[in-house]
Each structure stands twice: as structure tokens, then as C-alpha cells.
Amino acid sequence: MKAIRRSSMIQEVPAEFSERVVVNHGTDGQPPSTPSKPSAAVKDITIKSLVIASMFVVFLFKANTSIFRFNTPSRVSLLDEIDHLKHDLKAYEALKEQYVNEEMQLQWDKQHITESEEVVTSMIASSKDLSDRFHDVEQHMKEENDHMHEGIQAASKSSTNAAKHDHETVMKLSKDIQETNAEARHAHEETVSLRRQISEMMEELSQKNIKIPEQIYDKLNALK
């Protein structure tokens, strides 16, 4: 079998590769003559074939190695790293969403603080207005009392008719004083209620750790 393969290889070699290779296709019906030993061209082709076969084996080995290289520890480490990156990305997205929610909550808190400050300022202004009205009513009541005492003293020196008239005047003044006192008490009660509401609101703001401006404390102290 080896001799047959060698003979076929010799027939396929071009004549220009070696001067020793003689291909005889004679017309006398005799088979072509073959050398008894392989020529240099045959040896060269054999060596090249072995080299090519060796290169092919090496190529297959490398290809086989490259195919299964993803089962190496480096591939496992790479996959682990990819998993870690995916986990970090999910954590980042969650943190980003939490940051957006906290930022929105912070904006709502700021708006609530602003609205609370406006309400407190409005209540302080109302309290100051009620306090001024209370002081005006109190001053008016004092003036009415002084006028009443003066009227009583004048009435005691008058005649009986004058005394009757003075009595009516005193009754009218007493009624006016009672009405004035009622208005003053009502204004005072409104002031006390408003101050209590302000104190409760400030206590609520303090419990929520909302800083109250100093000017608000100054306005409250000015009302006392």
C-alpha cells in the first residue's frame, strides 16, 4: 500500500521540480518506468506534507484550546465580575431612584416650611392687630371710667332732678362700661386663643425639627 501511494505521489509531481523525475508514456504498451529510490523532489514533498500535517495538528490543538478556553478560571472570574457589575448597576439605579424620591420629599418639606412660616407671620400680624385693638378698648374704658367718676361727683352736687338725670347718666355709663368690658374680654380671649394656637404651631414645628426664624420670636415677645 505504501508503494502504491508513493507511485501516485511521483506521478503527480511536476517535471520541473526535479530533473531526475522521468515520466515515460511510451507507445510500446510498456508501463512507465519508476526509480528504485525516492527522488529529492519526493522527499521534499514528503517533508512539506509532514510540516503541513504538523501545522494542521497544531492548529487543531490551538482551536480546541480556544474553544474550551471559556471554561478556564479566567472565564469564571470574568463572569463573576460581570455579575458584580450587574449588581452594582442595579444598586446604582435603586440609589438613583431613592435620591430622586428624597429630593422630591425635600422640595415638599421646603414648601411646607414656607407655607408654615407664612401662616405664622399672618397669625402674628393678626395677634398684633388684636393686641392693638385691646389696648385701644382698654384706654377707652379707662377714659369712660374717669368720665363716669367725674359725672358722679357732679351729680352729687346737683338738685334732685339733676340727681335723677345723673342717675340715668350713670346707668348709661355703667352699661357702656359693661359693654366695653365685654368687648375687651372678648378681644383678650381672642388674643389668648391666638397666642395658644401660635404656641402649639411653634411646638409642632419644633417637634418636626423645623427651624423657626428669630424674627418670629421677636414679634411674639413684642406682643407680651
C-alpha atoms as a PDB file:
ATOM      1  CA  MET A   1       0.000   0.000   0.000  1.00  0.00           C
ATOM      2  CA  LYS A   2       2.854   2.379   0.744  1.00  0.00           C
ATOM      3  CA  ALA A   3       4.470   1.643  -2.632  1.00  0.00           C
ATOM      4  CA  ILE A   4       1.223   2.424  -4.443  1.00  0.00           C
ATOM      5  CA  ARG A   5       0.826   5.740  -2.623  1.00  0.00           C
ATOM      6  CA  ARG A   6       4.450   6.630  -3.338  1.00  0.00           C
ATOM      7  CA  SER A   7       3.986   5.819  -7.019  1.00  0.00           C
ATOM      8  CA  SER A   8       0.882   8.024  -7.203  1.00  0.00           C
ATOM      9  CA  MET A   9       2.728  10.857  -5.497  1.00  0.00           C
ATOM     10  CA  ILE A  10       5.534  10.531  -8.042  1.00  0.00           C
ATOM     11  CA  GLN A  11       3.079  10.739 -10.927  1.00  0.00           C
ATOM     12  CA  GLU A  12       1.546  13.941  -9.530  1.00  0.00           C
ATOM     13  CA  VAL A  13       4.907  15.743  -9.193  1.00  0.00           C
ATOM     14  CA  PRO A  14       5.536  18.224 -11.996  1.00  0.00           C
ATOM     15  CA  ALA A  15       8.622  17.519 -14.082  1.00  0.00           C
ATOM     16  CA  GLU A  16      10.042  20.950 -13.437  1.00  0.00           C
ATOM     17  CA  PHE A  17      10.605  20.189  -9.706  1.00  0.00           C
ATOM     18  CA  SER A  18      13.425  17.733 -10.434  1.00  0.00           C
ATOM     19  CA  GLU A  19      15.497  16.700 -13.333  1.00  0.00           C
ATOM     20  CA  ARG A  20      15.675  13.129 -12.040  1.00  0.00           C
ATOM     21  CA  VAL A  21      11.962  12.521 -12.352  1.00  0.00           C
ATOM     22  CA  VAL A  22      11.263  10.949 -15.730  1.00  0.00           C
ATOM     23  CA  VAL A  23       7.711  10.315 -16.794  1.00  0.00           C
ATOM     24  CA  ASN A  24       7.565   7.940 -19.743  1.00  0.00           C
ATOM     25  CA  HIS A  25       4.265   7.480 -21.503  1.00  0.00           C
ATOM     26  CA  GLY A  26       5.693   5.290 -24.254  1.00  0.00           C
ATOM     27  CA  THR A  27       3.673   3.945 -27.145  1.00  0.00           C
ATOM     28  CA  ASP A  28       5.047   0.447 -26.932  1.00  0.00           C
ATOM     29  CA  GLY A  29       2.495  -0.576 -24.304  1.00  0.00           C
ATOM     30  CA  GLN A  30       5.107  -0.958 -21.627  1.00  0.00           C
ATOM     31  CA  PRO A  31       4.320   0.564 -18.172  1.00  0.00           C
ATOM     32  CA  PRO A  32       6.231   3.696 -17.239  1.00  0.00           C
ATOM     33  CA  SER A  33       9.483   3.131 -15.511  1.00  0.00           C
ATOM     34  CA  THR A  34       9.904   4.278 -11.867  1.00  0.00           C
ATOM     35  CA  PRO A  35      13.107   4.830  -9.991  1.00  0.00           C
ATOM     36  CA  SER A  36      14.057   2.345  -7.409  1.00  0.00           C
ATOM     37  CA  LYS A  37      14.648   5.052  -4.754  1.00  0.00           C
ATOM     38  CA  PRO A  38      12.607   8.203  -3.990  1.00  0.00           C
ATOM     39  CA  SER A  39      13.974  11.282  -5.654  1.00  0.00           C
ATOM     40  CA  ALA A  40      14.852  14.563  -3.882  1.00  0.00           C
ATOM     41  CA  ALA A  41      11.561  16.125  -5.035  1.00  0.00           C
ATOM     42  CA  VAL A  42       9.592  13.281  -3.458  1.00  0.00           C
ATOM     43  CA  LYS A  43      11.484  13.714  -0.219  1.00  0.00           C
ATOM     44  CA  ASP A  44      10.868  17.457  -0.352  1.00  0.00           C
ATOM     45  CA  ILE A  45       7.153  16.942  -0.913  1.00  0.00           C
ATOM     46  CA  THR A  46       7.039  14.366   1.887  1.00  0.00           C
ATOM     47  CA  ILE A  47       8.777  16.754   4.264  1.00  0.00           C
ATOM     48  CA  LYS A  48       6.434  19.574   3.278  1.00  0.00           C
ATOM     49  CA  SER A  49       3.455  17.274   3.763  1.00  0.00           C
ATOM     50  CA  LEU A  50       4.683  16.341   7.236  1.00  0.00           C
ATOM     51  CA  VAL A  51       5.237  20.007   8.060  1.00  0.00           C
ATOM     52  CA  ILE A  52       1.762  20.885   6.811  1.00  0.00           C
ATOM     53  CA  ALA A  53       0.298  17.966   8.791  1.00  0.00           C
ATOM     54  CA  SER A  54       2.161  19.120  11.891  1.00  0.00           C
ATOM     55  CA  MET A  55       0.886  22.663  11.402  1.00  0.00           C
ATOM     56  CA  PHE A  56      -2.617  21.319  10.948  1.00  0.00           C
ATOM     57  CA  VAL A  57      -2.324  19.320  14.177  1.00  0.00           C
ATOM     58  CA  VAL A  58      -1.050  22.407  15.987  1.00  0.00           C
ATOM     59  CA  PHE A  59      -3.887  24.419  14.504  1.00  0.00           C
ATOM     60  CA  LEU A  60      -6.418  21.837  15.672  1.00  0.00           C
ATOM     61  CA  PHE A  61      -4.847  21.837  19.129  1.00  0.00           C
ATOM     62  CA  LYS A  62      -4.974  25.594  19.358  1.00  0.00           C
ATOM     63  CA  ALA A  63      -8.502  25.671  18.020  1.00  0.00           C
ATOM     64  CA  ASN A  64      -9.509  23.043  20.542  1.00  0.00           C
ATOM     65  CA  THR A  65      -7.871  25.081  23.288  1.00  0.00           C
ATOM     66  CA  SER A  66      -9.578  28.289  22.139  1.00  0.00           C
ATOM     67  CA  ILE A  67     -12.939  26.555  22.016  1.00  0.00           C
ATOM     68  CA  PHE A  68     -12.688  25.399  25.604  1.00  0.00           C
ATOM     69  CA  ARG A  69     -10.826  28.391  26.966  1.00  0.00           C
ATOM     70  CA  PHE A  70     -14.093  29.833  28.283  1.00  0.00           C
ATOM     71  CA  ASN A  71     -14.166  27.039  30.825  1.00  0.00           C
ATOM     72  CA  THR A  72     -10.946  28.289  32.377  1.00  0.00           C
ATOM     73  CA  PRO A  73     -10.842  30.065  35.747  1.00  0.00           C
ATOM     74  CA  SER A  74     -10.298  33.380  33.963  1.00  0.00           C
ATOM     75  CA  ARG A  75     -13.686  32.981  32.260  1.00  0.00           C
ATOM     76  CA  VAL A  76     -15.329  32.182  35.593  1.00  0.00           C
ATOM     77  CA  SER A  77     -13.683  35.253  37.090  1.00  0.00           C
ATOM     78  CA  LEU A  78     -14.892  37.358  34.170  1.00  0.00           C
ATOM     79  CA  LEU A  79     -18.448  36.091  34.596  1.00  0.00           C
ATOM     80  CA  ASP A  80     -18.276  36.839  38.312  1.00  0.00           C
ATOM     81  CA  GLU A  81     -17.060  40.331  37.522  1.00  0.00           C
ATOM     82  CA  ILE A  82     -19.942  40.797  35.079  1.00  0.00           C
ATOM     83  CA  ASP A  83     -22.390  39.632  37.764  1.00  0.00           C
ATOM     84  CA  HIS A  84     -20.856  42.101  40.216  1.00  0.00           C
ATOM     85  CA  LEU A  85     -21.168  44.878  37.644  1.00  0.00           C
ATOM     86  CA  LYS A  86     -24.821  43.982  37.055  1.00  0.00           C
ATOM     87  CA  HIS A  87     -25.428  44.015  40.803  1.00  0.00           C
ATOM     88  CA  ASP A  88     -23.649  47.363  41.157  1.00  0.00           C
ATOM     89  CA  LEU A  89     -25.708  48.751  38.276  1.00  0.00           C
ATOM     90  CA  LYS A  90     -28.949  47.646  39.938  1.00  0.00           C
ATOM     91  CA  ALA A  91     -27.773  49.147  43.229  1.00  0.00           C
ATOM     92  CA  TYR A  92     -26.905  52.375  41.428  1.00  0.00           C
ATOM     93  CA  GLU A  93     -30.345  52.546  39.810  1.00  0.00           C
ATOM     94  CA  ALA A  94     -32.007  51.919  43.186  1.00  0.00           C
ATOM     95  CA  LEU A  95     -29.841  54.594  44.809  1.00  0.00           C
ATOM     96  CA  LYS A  96     -30.646  56.992  41.989  1.00  0.00           C
ATOM     97  CA  GLU A  97     -34.374  56.382  42.444  1.00  0.00           C
ATOM     98  CA  GLN A  98     -34.026  56.865  46.204  1.00  0.00           C
ATOM     99  CA  TYR A  99     -32.157  60.117  45.624  1.00  0.00           C
ATOM    100  CA  VAL A 100     -34.901  61.399  43.309  1.00  0.00           C
ATOM    101  CA  ASN A 101     -37.585  60.493  45.873  1.00  0.00           C
ATOM    102  CA  GLU A 102     -35.663  62.153  48.700  1.00  0.00           C
ATOM    103  CA  GLU A 103     -35.115  65.243  46.564  1.00  0.00           C
ATOM    104  CA  MET A 104     -38.849  65.452  45.864  1.00  0.00           C
ATOM    105  CA  GLN A 105     -39.599  64.971  49.565  1.00  0.00           C
ATOM    106  CA  LEU A 106     -37.105  67.726  50.395  1.00  0.00           C
ATOM    107  CA  GLN A 107     -38.848  70.088  47.978  1.00  0.00           C
ATOM    108  CA  TRP A 108     -42.186  69.276  49.591  1.00  0.00           C
ATOM    109  CA  ASP A 109     -40.703  69.896  53.044  1.00  0.00           C
ATOM    110  CA  LYS A 110     -39.300  73.245  51.915  1.00  0.00           C
ATOM    111  CA  GLN A 111     -42.673  74.225  50.509  1.00  0.00           C
ATOM    112  CA  HIS A 112     -44.375  73.139  53.737  1.00  0.00           C
ATOM    113  CA  ILE A 113     -41.901  75.177  55.795  1.00  0.00           C
ATOM    114  CA  THR A 114     -42.501  78.235  53.607  1.00  0.00           C
ATOM    115  CA  GLU A 115     -46.255  77.862  53.942  1.00  0.00           C
ATOM    116  CA  SER A 116     -45.932  77.367  57.714  1.00  0.00           C
ATOM    117  CA  GLU A 117     -43.789  80.495  58.011  1.00  0.00           C
ATOM    118  CA  GLU A 118     -46.368  82.452  56.040  1.00  0.00           C
ATOM    119  CA  VAL A 119     -49.148  81.167  58.310  1.00  0.00           C
ATOM    120  CA  VAL A 120     -47.167  82.020  61.446  1.00  0.00           C
ATOM    121  CA  THR A 121     -46.375  85.501  60.119  1.00  0.00           C
ATOM    122  CA  SER A 122     -50.040  86.057  59.285  1.00  0.00           C
ATOM    123  CA  MET A 123     -51.112  84.854  62.742  1.00  0.00           C
ATOM    124  CA  ILE A 124     -48.553  87.119  64.398  1.00  0.00           C
ATOM    125  CA  ALA A 125     -49.849  90.069  62.393  1.00  0.00           C
ATOM    126  CA  SER A 126     -53.420  89.196  63.420  1.00  0.00           C
ATOM    127  CA  SER A 127     -52.352  88.836  67.040  1.00  0.00           C
ATOM    128  CA  LYS A 128     -50.659  92.237  66.958  1.00  0.00           C
ATOM    129  CA  ASP A 129     -53.777  93.775  65.448  1.00  0.00           C
ATOM    130  CA  LEU A 130     -55.952  92.232  68.180  1.00  0.00           C
ATOM    131  CA  SER A 131     -53.497  93.392  70.812  1.00  0.00           C
ATOM    132  CA  ASP A 132     -53.627  96.948  69.478  1.00  0.00           C
ATOM    133  CA  ARG A 133     -57.406  96.832  69.465  1.00  0.00           C
ATOM    134  CA  PHE A 134     -57.389  95.511  73.032  1.00  0.00           C
ATOM    135  CA  HIS A 135     -55.158  98.363  74.168  1.00  0.00           C
ATOM    136  CA  ASP A 136     -57.431 100.866  72.417  1.00  0.00           C
ATOM    137  CA  VAL A 137     -60.512  99.395  74.093  1.00  0.00           C
ATOM    138  CA  GLU A 138     -58.749  99.380  77.447  1.00  0.00           C
ATOM    139  CA  GLN A 139     -57.754 103.022  77.063  1.00  0.00           C
ATOM    140  CA  HIS A 140     -61.271 103.931  76.029  1.00  0.00           C
ATOM    141  CA  MET A 141     -62.668 102.077  79.059  1.00  0.00           C
ATOM    142  CA  LYS A 142     -60.321 103.958  81.350  1.00  0.00           C
ATOM    143  CA  GLU A 143     -61.418 107.250  79.884  1.00  0.00           C
ATOM    144  CA  GLU A 144     -65.055 106.238  80.306  1.00  0.00           C
ATOM    145  CA  ASN A 145     -64.458 105.324  83.940  1.00  0.00           C
ATOM    146  CA  ASP A 146     -62.788 108.649  84.601  1.00  0.00           C
ATOM    147  CA  HIS A 147     -65.673 110.406  82.927  1.00  0.00           C
ATOM    148  CA  MET A 148     -68.138 108.367  84.987  1.00  0.00           C
ATOM    149  CA  HIS A 149     -66.465 109.331  88.255  1.00  0.00           C
ATOM    150  CA  GLU A 150     -66.493 112.947  87.229  1.00  0.00           C
ATOM    151  CA  GLY A 151     -70.180 112.654  86.360  1.00  0.00           C
ATOM    152  CA  ILE A 152     -70.970 111.046  89.703  1.00  0.00           C
ATOM    153  CA  GLN A 153     -69.203 113.798  91.577  1.00  0.00           C
ATOM    154  CA  ALA A 154     -71.044 116.438  89.573  1.00  0.00           C
ATOM    155  CA  ALA A 155     -74.376 114.676  90.052  1.00  0.00           C
ATOM    156  CA  SER A 156     -73.996 114.548  93.842  1.00  0.00           C
ATOM    157  CA  LYS A 157     -73.810 118.335  93.925  1.00  0.00           C
ATOM    158  CA  SER A 158     -76.878 118.871  91.763  1.00  0.00           C
ATOM    159  CA  SER A 159     -80.531 119.040  92.677  1.00  0.00           C
ATOM    160  CA  THR A 160     -82.927 116.137  92.839  1.00  0.00           C
ATOM    161  CA  ASN A 161     -83.828 116.470  89.198  1.00  0.00           C
ATOM    162  CA  ALA A 162     -80.239 116.721  88.333  1.00  0.00           C
ATOM    163  CA  ALA A 163     -79.569 113.703  90.558  1.00  0.00           C
ATOM    164  CA  LYS A 164     -82.170 111.694  88.626  1.00  0.00           C
ATOM    165  CA  HIS A 165     -80.635 112.744  85.372  1.00  0.00           C
ATOM    166  CA  ASP A 166     -77.237 111.914  86.719  1.00  0.00           C
ATOM    167  CA  HIS A 167     -78.503 108.515  87.815  1.00  0.00           C
ATOM    168  CA  GLU A 168     -79.665 107.798  84.277  1.00  0.00           C
ATOM    169  CA  THR A 169     -76.357 109.022  83.009  1.00  0.00           C
ATOM    170  CA  VAL A 170     -74.558 106.757  85.458  1.00  0.00           C
ATOM    171  CA  MET A 171     -76.655 103.798  84.404  1.00  0.00           C
ATOM    172  CA  LYS A 172     -75.925 104.517  80.783  1.00  0.00           C
ATOM    173  CA  LEU A 173     -72.268 104.866  81.548  1.00  0.00           C
ATOM    174  CA  SER A 174     -72.326 101.617  83.529  1.00  0.00           C
ATOM    175  CA  LYS A 175     -73.982  99.872  80.627  1.00  0.00           C
ATOM    176  CA  ASP A 176     -71.398 101.305  78.266  1.00  0.00           C
ATOM    177  CA  ILE A 177     -68.664 100.180  80.623  1.00  0.00           C
ATOM    178  CA  GLN A 178     -70.099  96.670  80.781  1.00  0.00           C
ATOM    179  CA  GLU A 179     -70.278  96.524  77.008  1.00  0.00           C
ATOM    180  CA  THR A 180     -66.760  97.899  76.786  1.00  0.00           C
ATOM    181  CA  ASN A 181     -65.553  95.345  79.324  1.00  0.00           C
ATOM    182  CA  ALA A 182     -67.299  92.576  77.395  1.00  0.00           C
ATOM    183  CA  GLU A 183     -65.617  93.691  74.182  1.00  0.00           C
ATOM    184  CA  ALA A 184     -62.297  93.924  75.985  1.00  0.00           C
ATOM    185  CA  ARG A 185     -62.716  90.430  77.453  1.00  0.00           C
ATOM    186  CA  HIS A 186     -63.675  89.082  74.049  1.00  0.00           C
ATOM    187  CA  ALA A 187     -60.648  90.705  72.460  1.00  0.00           C
ATOM    188  CA  HIS A 188     -58.477  89.384  75.285  1.00  0.00           C
ATOM    189  CA  GLU A 189     -59.870  85.873  74.860  1.00  0.00           C
ATOM    190  CA  GLU A 190     -59.213  86.030  71.120  1.00  0.00           C
ATOM    191  CA  THR A 191     -55.675  87.198  71.818  1.00  0.00           C
ATOM    192  CA  VAL A 192     -55.082  84.390  74.326  1.00  0.00           C
ATOM    193  CA  SER A 193     -56.554  81.821  71.929  1.00  0.00           C
ATOM    194  CA  LEU A 194     -54.440  83.117  69.075  1.00  0.00           C
ATOM    195  CA  ARG A 195     -51.310  83.034  71.226  1.00  0.00           C
ATOM    196  CA  ARG A 196     -52.118  79.463  72.240  1.00  0.00           C
ATOM    197  CA  GLN A 197     -52.545  78.466  68.595  1.00  0.00           C
ATOM    198  CA  ILE A 198     -49.250  80.099  67.731  1.00  0.00           C
ATOM    199  CA  SER A 199     -47.523  78.294  70.616  1.00  0.00           C
ATOM    200  CA  GLU A 200     -48.999  74.956  69.512  1.00  0.00           C
ATOM    201  CA  MET A 201     -47.913  75.526  65.934  1.00  0.00           C
ATOM    202  CA  MET A 202     -44.401  76.504  67.025  1.00  0.00           C
ATOM    203  CA  GLU A 203     -44.251  73.407  69.229  1.00  0.00           C
ATOM    204  CA  GLU A 204     -45.327  71.277  66.255  1.00  0.00           C
ATOM    205  CA  LEU A 205     -42.680  72.881  64.075  1.00  0.00           C
ATOM    206  CA  SER A 206     -40.064  72.263  66.766  1.00  0.00           C
ATOM    207  CA  GLN A 207     -41.056  68.591  67.004  1.00  0.00           C
ATOM    208  CA  LYS A 208     -40.582  68.324  63.241  1.00  0.00           C
ATOM    209  CA  ASN A 209     -37.102  69.854  63.625  1.00  0.00           C
ATOM    210  CA  ILE A 210     -38.149  72.866  61.559  1.00  0.00           C
ATOM    211  CA  LYS A 211     -36.085  75.881  62.463  1.00  0.00           C
ATOM    212  CA  ILE A 212     -38.188  78.906  63.378  1.00  0.00           C
ATOM    213  CA  PRO A 213     -36.737  82.287  62.308  1.00  0.00           C
ATOM    214  CA  GLU A 214     -35.571  84.532  65.115  1.00  0.00           C
ATOM    215  CA  GLN A 215     -37.687  87.448  63.898  1.00  0.00           C
ATOM    216  CA  ILE A 216     -40.803  85.424  64.667  1.00  0.00           C
ATOM    217  CA  TYR A 217     -39.684  85.022  68.293  1.00  0.00           C
ATOM    218  CA  ASP A 218     -39.012  88.762  68.415  1.00  0.00           C
ATOM    219  CA  LYS A 219     -42.519  89.547  67.168  1.00  0.00           C
ATOM    220  CA  LEU A 220     -44.049  87.162  69.719  1.00  0.00           C
ATOM    221  CA  ASN A 221     -42.054  88.693  72.549  1.00  0.00           C
ATOM    222  CA  ALA A 222     -43.166  92.155  71.448  1.00  0.00           C
ATOM    223  CA  LEU A 223     -46.791  91.132  71.952  1.00  0.00           C
ATOM    224  CA  LYS A 224     -46.295  90.229  75.625  1.00  0.00           C
END
